[in-house]
Protein backbone atom coordinates (compact mmCIF):
# COMPACT_ATOMS: atom_id res chain seq x y z
CA UNK A 1 59.70 -88.25 31.43
CA UNK A 2 60.62 -88.29 35.12
CA UNK A 3 58.81 -90.71 37.30
CA UNK A 4 58.22 -90.56 41.05
CA UNK A 5 60.27 -92.73 43.29
CA UNK A 6 58.81 -95.91 44.50
CA UNK A 7 59.20 -94.79 48.07
CA UNK A 8 56.50 -92.13 47.49
CA UNK A 9 58.79 -89.08 47.90
CA UNK A 10 58.25 -86.19 45.44
CA UNK A 11 60.85 -85.50 42.78
CA UNK A 12 63.27 -82.73 43.74
CA UNK A 13 63.47 -79.75 41.32
CA UNK A 14 65.61 -76.61 41.43
CA UNK A 15 63.92 -73.57 42.94
CA UNK A 16 63.31 -70.71 40.48
CA UNK A 17 64.19 -67.24 41.73
CA UNK A 18 62.05 -64.20 40.66
CA UNK A 19 63.45 -62.15 37.80
CA UNK A 20 63.53 -58.38 38.22
CA UNK A 21 63.06 -56.23 35.10
CA UNK A 22 64.40 -52.70 35.34
CA UNK A 23 62.66 -50.10 33.17
CA UNK A 24 63.93 -46.54 32.74
CA UNK A 25 61.71 -44.01 34.42
CA UNK A 26 60.34 -40.94 32.70
CA UNK A 27 62.26 -38.75 35.08
CA UNK A 28 65.55 -40.23 33.88
CA UNK A 29 65.12 -38.66 30.43
CA UNK A 30 64.21 -35.33 32.01
CA UNK A 31 67.29 -35.52 34.29
CA UNK A 32 69.49 -36.27 31.28
CA UNK A 33 68.09 -33.20 29.51
CA UNK A 34 68.85 -31.01 32.53
CA UNK A 35 72.40 -32.30 32.66
CA UNK A 36 72.86 -31.52 28.98
CA UNK A 37 71.54 -28.00 29.42
CA UNK A 38 73.82 -27.47 32.41
CA UNK A 39 76.85 -28.52 30.41
CA UNK A 40 75.94 -26.14 27.60
CA UNK A 41 75.55 -23.19 29.93
CA UNK A 42 78.90 -23.92 31.62
CA UNK A 43 80.83 -24.18 28.34
CA UNK A 44 79.01 -22.23 25.58
CA UNK A 45 81.85 -22.82 23.09
CA UNK A 46 81.12 -26.56 22.94
CA UNK A 47 77.42 -25.90 22.17
CA UNK A 48 76.60 -26.73 18.60
CA UNK A 49 73.53 -25.37 16.85
CA UNK A 50 72.78 -22.74 19.47
CA UNK A 51 73.05 -18.98 19.04
CA UNK A 52 73.33 -16.50 21.86
CA UNK A 53 70.87 -13.61 21.73
CA UNK A 54 71.57 -10.47 23.76
CA UNK A 55 68.77 -9.47 26.08
CA UNK A 56 67.48 -5.89 25.93
CA UNK A 57 68.42 -3.63 28.80
CA UNK A 58 65.66 -2.23 31.02
CA UNK A 59 66.45 1.30 29.78
CA UNK A 60 65.76 0.33 26.13
CA UNK A 61 62.32 -1.09 26.95
CA UNK A 62 61.04 2.04 28.68
CA UNK A 63 59.55 5.00 26.77
CA UNK A 64 58.85 8.49 27.96
CA UNK A 65 55.13 9.31 27.86
CA UNK A 66 53.91 12.77 26.80
CA UNK A 67 52.88 15.08 29.60
CA UNK A 68 49.22 15.00 30.58
CA UNK A 69 47.40 18.35 29.99
CA UNK A 70 45.96 19.92 33.09
CA UNK A 71 42.25 19.36 33.74
CA UNK A 72 40.22 22.61 33.84
CA UNK A 73 38.48 23.24 37.12
CA UNK A 74 34.78 22.33 37.28
CA UNK A 75 32.54 25.30 38.15
CA UNK A 76 30.45 24.84 41.27
CA UNK A 77 26.87 23.70 40.74
CA UNK A 78 24.36 26.25 41.88
CA UNK A 79 21.18 25.00 43.52
CA UNK A 80 18.09 25.31 41.32
CA UNK A 81 15.71 28.07 42.25
CA UNK A 82 12.34 26.90 43.52
CA UNK A 83 9.51 26.93 41.00
CA UNK A 84 6.93 29.53 41.87
CA UNK A 85 3.30 28.80 40.99
CA UNK A 86 1.74 31.02 38.35
CA UNK A 87 -0.68 33.64 39.64
CA UNK A 88 -4.34 32.77 39.13
CA UNK A 89 -5.94 34.22 36.03
CA UNK A 90 -8.35 37.02 36.63
CA UNK A 91 -11.87 36.77 35.32
CA UNK A 92 -12.85 39.35 32.75
CA UNK A 93 -15.84 40.39 34.79
CA UNK A 94 -14.07 40.51 38.17
CA UNK A 95 -13.66 43.64 40.20
CA UNK A 96 -10.32 45.40 40.27
CA UNK A 97 -9.17 44.00 36.86
CA UNK A 98 -9.06 45.26 33.31
CA UNK A 99 -12.44 43.71 32.37
CA UNK A 100 -14.57 46.84 32.96
CA UNK A 101 -12.09 49.01 31.09
CA UNK A 102 -12.06 46.78 28.07
CA UNK A 103 -15.85 46.58 28.10
CA UNK A 104 -16.13 50.35 28.23
CA UNK A 105 -13.67 50.78 25.35
CA UNK A 106 -15.53 48.22 23.20
CA UNK A 107 -18.90 49.84 23.90
CA UNK A 108 -17.48 53.25 22.98
CA UNK A 109 -16.09 51.93 19.68
CA UNK A 110 -19.44 50.36 18.74
CA UNK A 111 -21.31 53.57 19.55
CA UNK A 112 -18.84 55.66 17.50
CA UNK A 113 -19.21 53.35 14.50
CA UNK A 114 -23.01 53.56 14.74
CA UNK A 115 -22.90 57.37 14.83
CA UNK A 116 -20.56 57.53 11.82
CA UNK A 117 -22.81 55.25 9.79
CA UNK A 118 -25.92 57.23 10.70
CA UNK A 119 -24.18 60.49 9.72
CA UNK A 120 -23.08 59.08 6.36
CA UNK A 121 -26.65 57.94 5.66
CA UNK A 122 -27.93 61.45 6.34
CA UNK A 123 -25.35 63.04 4.05
CA UNK A 124 -26.25 60.87 1.04
CA UNK A 125 -28.74 62.42 -1.42
CA UNK A 126 -32.10 60.81 -2.19
CA UNK A 127 -30.92 59.41 -5.54
CA UNK A 128 -27.99 57.63 -3.93
CA UNK A 129 -30.28 56.16 -1.30
CA UNK A 130 -32.59 54.72 -3.95
CA UNK A 131 -29.67 53.25 -5.94
CA UNK A 132 -28.25 51.68 -2.77
CA UNK A 133 -31.63 50.14 -2.01
CA UNK A 134 -31.87 48.78 -5.55
CA UNK A 135 -28.45 47.16 -5.41
CA UNK A 136 -29.44 45.05 -2.40
CA UNK A 137 -29.88 41.41 -3.47
CA UNK A 138 -33.40 40.11 -3.33
CA UNK A 139 -34.09 37.12 -1.13
CA UNK A 140 -34.58 34.07 -3.39
CA UNK A 141 -37.84 32.23 -2.92
CA UNK A 142 -37.70 29.02 -0.97
CA UNK A 143 -37.31 26.06 -3.26
CA UNK A 144 -40.04 23.47 -3.01
CA UNK A 145 -38.71 20.07 -2.03
CA UNK A 146 -39.34 17.43 -4.68
CA UNK A 147 -41.07 14.29 -3.47
CA UNK A 148 -38.64 11.38 -2.98
CA UNK A 149 -38.61 8.86 -5.81
CA UNK A 150 -39.85 5.35 -5.13
CA UNK A 151 -36.91 2.91 -5.14
CA UNK A 152 -39.12 0.21 -6.71
CA UNK A 153 -40.14 2.37 -9.70
CA UNK A 154 -42.60 5.08 -10.65
CA UNK A 155 -45.56 2.74 -11.21
CA UNK A 156 -45.15 0.78 -7.98
CA UNK A 157 -48.20 -0.81 -6.39
CA UNK A 158 -48.24 -1.85 -2.75
CA UNK A 159 -50.74 -2.84 -0.08
CA UNK A 160 -53.56 -0.27 0.19
CA UNK A 161 -53.60 0.67 -3.51
CA UNK A 162 -56.74 0.32 -5.64
CA UNK A 163 -57.74 0.78 -9.27
CA UNK A 164 -57.62 -0.87 -12.67
CA UNK A 165 -53.86 -1.50 -12.43
CA UNK A 166 -54.46 -3.67 -9.35
CA UNK A 167 -57.15 -5.57 -11.27
CA UNK A 168 -54.70 -6.25 -14.12
CA UNK A 169 -52.17 -7.52 -11.56
CA UNK A 170 -54.75 -9.89 -10.03
CA UNK A 171 -55.70 -11.30 -13.41
CA UNK A 172 -52.08 -11.91 -14.42
CA UNK A 173 -51.26 -13.62 -11.10
CA UNK A 174 -54.21 -16.03 -11.54
CA UNK A 175 -52.54 -17.25 -14.74
CA UNK A 176 -49.39 -18.29 -12.80
CA UNK A 177 -49.87 -21.81 -11.36
CA UNK A 178 -50.22 -22.10 -7.56
CA UNK A 179 -49.56 -18.39 -6.91
CA UNK A 180 -53.01 -16.72 -6.76
CA UNK A 181 -55.44 -19.52 -7.53
CA UNK A 182 -59.10 -18.42 -7.34
CA UNK A 183 -58.02 -15.01 -6.06
CA UNK A 184 -60.29 -11.97 -6.15
CA UNK A 185 -60.16 -9.47 -9.01
CA UNK A 186 -61.87 -6.58 -7.24
CA UNK A 187 -59.04 -4.09 -7.78
CA UNK A 188 -57.96 -3.83 -4.12
CA UNK A 189 -54.37 -4.49 -3.01
CA UNK A 190 -55.06 -6.37 0.21
CA UNK A 191 -53.01 -8.76 2.39
CA UNK A 192 -53.85 -11.81 0.25
CA UNK A 193 -52.58 -10.09 -2.88
CA UNK A 194 -49.41 -8.96 -1.02
CA UNK A 195 -48.66 -12.57 -0.04
CA UNK A 196 -49.26 -13.72 -3.63
CA UNK A 197 -46.83 -11.12 -5.01
CA UNK A 198 -44.22 -12.12 -2.40
CA UNK A 199 -44.70 -15.79 -3.31
CA UNK A 200 -44.21 -15.02 -7.01
CA UNK A 201 -41.01 -13.04 -6.26
CA UNK A 202 -39.61 -15.85 -4.12
CA UNK A 203 -40.36 -18.67 -6.55
CA UNK A 204 -39.01 -16.90 -9.63
CA UNK A 205 -35.98 -15.22 -7.97
CA UNK A 206 -37.00 -11.56 -8.31
CA UNK A 207 -34.86 -9.44 -5.98
CA UNK A 208 -35.12 -5.91 -7.40
CA UNK A 209 -38.30 -4.98 -5.47
CA UNK A 210 -39.38 -5.20 -1.87
CA UNK A 211 -41.12 -8.37 -0.77
CA UNK A 212 -44.83 -8.13 -1.61
CA UNK A 213 -44.43 -4.86 -3.58
CA UNK A 214 -45.32 -4.79 -7.28
CA UNK A 215 -42.39 -2.75 -8.67
CA UNK A 216 -40.75 -2.40 -12.06
CA UNK A 217 -38.74 -5.65 -11.84
CA UNK A 218 -41.74 -7.70 -10.72
CA UNK A 219 -43.96 -6.09 -13.35
CA UNK A 220 -41.46 -6.79 -16.13
CA UNK A 221 -41.10 -10.46 -15.18
CA UNK A 222 -44.84 -11.03 -14.71
CA UNK A 223 -45.74 -9.40 -18.02
CA UNK A 224 -43.11 -11.47 -19.87
CA UNK A 225 -44.64 -14.69 -18.46
CA UNK A 226 -48.29 -13.75 -19.02
CA UNK A 227 -47.97 -12.08 -22.43
């Protein structure tokens, strides 16, 4: 291991010079390829693995196209004629038109038909007249309209009715708890009885009759519960 001199001077060492590294450039390989190609083109006999291909002449690459047919001439376009408005329609009753003539012809035809019919009636004998009168259909009598049926049934009772059937209804309702307690049995279908019938229909789920109307469905259910 070298030691420093006692005089304090540094130890002398040889100076190292920088080393230069030469690397081939990419262009060198490309230049070598160009040189090789140039040598091959100058002396094609020395080229190995290459085959010469003849290039086609310009005359061989051209083809003669068929002649184009002539285009027929286009006829000239004529300007469209202006649209004329339609003449106004004449009223059948106007003056100077065909209305009066047609009316006169129609009136003459009706008059001629009436005269022909009257003449034929005069030429018929009396027996034929009677037979023609007999063959005429008689007018049927007007049919009497039947009264509309009650949707709640034939024996329906509603407010304003009276009689023994209403009395029977009142007595049966008094036997149903809390429906017609201490109600009258006078045989009149009043507002109190209507409310009782509606209450009975609501509580027992009767929906076939109108509310407060004693129809067939309400009658059937009430009679089954009261015996």
